[in-house]
N, C-alpha and C. Protein backbone atom coordinates (compact mmCIF):
# COMPACT_ATOMS: atom_id res chain seq x y z
N ILE A 1 98.44 92.32 108.26
CA ILE A 1 99.03 93.65 108.37
C ILE A 1 98.08 94.67 107.75
N ARG A 2 97.74 95.68 108.53
CA ARG A 2 96.86 96.73 108.01
C ARG A 2 97.69 97.73 107.21
N PRO A 3 97.09 98.29 106.17
CA PRO A 3 97.82 99.28 105.38
C PRO A 3 98.06 100.55 106.19
N LEU A 4 99.03 101.37 105.73
CA LEU A 4 99.36 102.60 106.44
C LEU A 4 98.17 103.55 106.48
N SER A 5 97.28 103.43 105.51
CA SER A 5 96.12 104.33 105.47
C SER A 5 95.23 104.13 106.69
N ALA A 6 95.41 103.00 107.39
CA ALA A 6 94.66 102.77 108.62
C ALA A 6 95.20 103.64 109.76
N PHE A 7 96.38 104.21 109.55
CA PHE A 7 97.01 105.07 110.55
C PHE A 7 97.34 106.43 109.92
N PRO A 8 96.32 107.28 109.71
CA PRO A 8 96.57 108.55 109.02
C PRO A 8 97.59 109.44 109.71
N GLU A 9 97.56 109.44 111.05
CA GLU A 9 98.51 110.31 111.76
C GLU A 9 99.94 109.80 111.59
N MET A 10 100.09 108.47 111.48
CA MET A 10 101.41 107.91 111.27
C MET A 10 101.91 108.26 109.86
N GLN A 11 100.99 108.20 108.91
CA GLN A 11 101.33 108.54 107.53
C GLN A 11 101.80 109.99 107.46
N THR A 12 101.09 110.88 108.16
CA THR A 12 101.47 112.30 108.18
C THR A 12 102.85 112.47 108.80
N THR A 13 103.09 111.76 109.89
CA THR A 13 104.38 111.86 110.57
C THR A 13 105.50 111.39 109.66
N ILE A 14 105.28 110.27 108.97
CA ILE A 14 106.30 109.73 108.06
C ILE A 14 106.57 110.72 106.93
N LYS A 15 105.51 111.30 106.37
CA LYS A 15 105.69 112.28 105.30
C LYS A 15 106.50 113.47 105.79
N ARG A 16 106.19 113.92 107.02
CA ARG A 16 106.91 115.07 107.58
C ARG A 16 108.38 114.73 107.78
N LEU A 17 108.65 113.52 108.29
CA LEU A 17 110.03 113.11 108.53
C LEU A 17 110.79 113.01 107.21
N LEU A 18 110.14 112.46 106.19
CA LEU A 18 110.79 112.34 104.89
C LEU A 18 111.08 113.71 104.30
N ALA A 19 110.15 114.65 104.48
CA ALA A 19 110.36 116.02 103.99
C ALA A 19 111.55 116.65 104.70
N GLN A 20 111.62 116.49 106.03
CA GLN A 20 112.73 117.05 106.79
C GLN A 20 114.05 116.42 106.34
N LEU A 21 114.02 115.11 106.13
CA LEU A 21 115.22 114.39 105.74
C LEU A 21 115.73 114.89 104.39
N SER A 22 114.82 115.07 103.44
CA SER A 22 115.24 115.54 102.12
C SER A 22 115.77 116.96 102.19
N GLU A 23 115.21 117.78 103.09
CA GLU A 23 115.72 119.14 103.28
C GLU A 23 117.15 119.09 103.82
N VAL A 24 117.37 118.23 104.82
CA VAL A 24 118.70 118.09 105.42
C VAL A 24 119.71 117.63 104.37
N ILE A 25 119.31 116.66 103.56
CA ILE A 25 120.20 116.14 102.52
C ILE A 25 120.53 117.23 101.51
N LYS A 26 119.49 117.96 101.07
CA LYS A 26 119.71 119.05 100.10
C LYS A 26 120.66 120.09 100.67
N THR A 27 120.42 120.48 101.93
CA THR A 27 121.28 121.48 102.57
C THR A 27 122.71 120.97 102.66
N GLY A 28 122.86 119.72 103.05
CA GLY A 28 124.19 119.14 103.18
C GLY A 28 124.92 119.09 101.84
N VAL A 29 124.20 118.74 100.78
CA VAL A 29 124.80 118.68 99.45
C VAL A 29 125.25 120.06 99.01
N VAL A 30 124.38 121.06 99.25
CA VAL A 30 124.72 122.44 98.87
C VAL A 30 125.94 122.92 99.63
N GLU A 31 125.96 122.68 100.95
CA GLU A 31 127.08 123.14 101.76
C GLU A 31 128.38 122.43 101.36
N THR A 32 128.27 121.15 101.01
CA THR A 32 129.45 120.41 100.57
C THR A 32 129.98 120.99 99.27
N ALA A 33 129.06 121.29 98.35
CA ALA A 33 129.47 121.85 97.05
C ALA A 33 130.12 123.22 97.23
N ILE A 34 129.59 124.02 98.15
CA ILE A 34 130.14 125.36 98.38
C ILE A 34 131.52 125.28 99.02
N SER A 35 131.69 124.37 99.96
CA SER A 35 132.94 124.30 100.72
C SER A 35 134.09 123.74 99.89
N GLN A 36 133.81 123.13 98.76
CA GLN A 36 134.87 122.54 97.94
C GLN A 36 135.46 123.55 96.98
């Protein structure tokens, strides 16, 4: 198995997806807190 560093574009995509995911989670938590 080659390390992820062998696929720089995949690494970038994963980082971007994780960033988007954390943004969605943060937004959801904030909206949940506000609506309660």
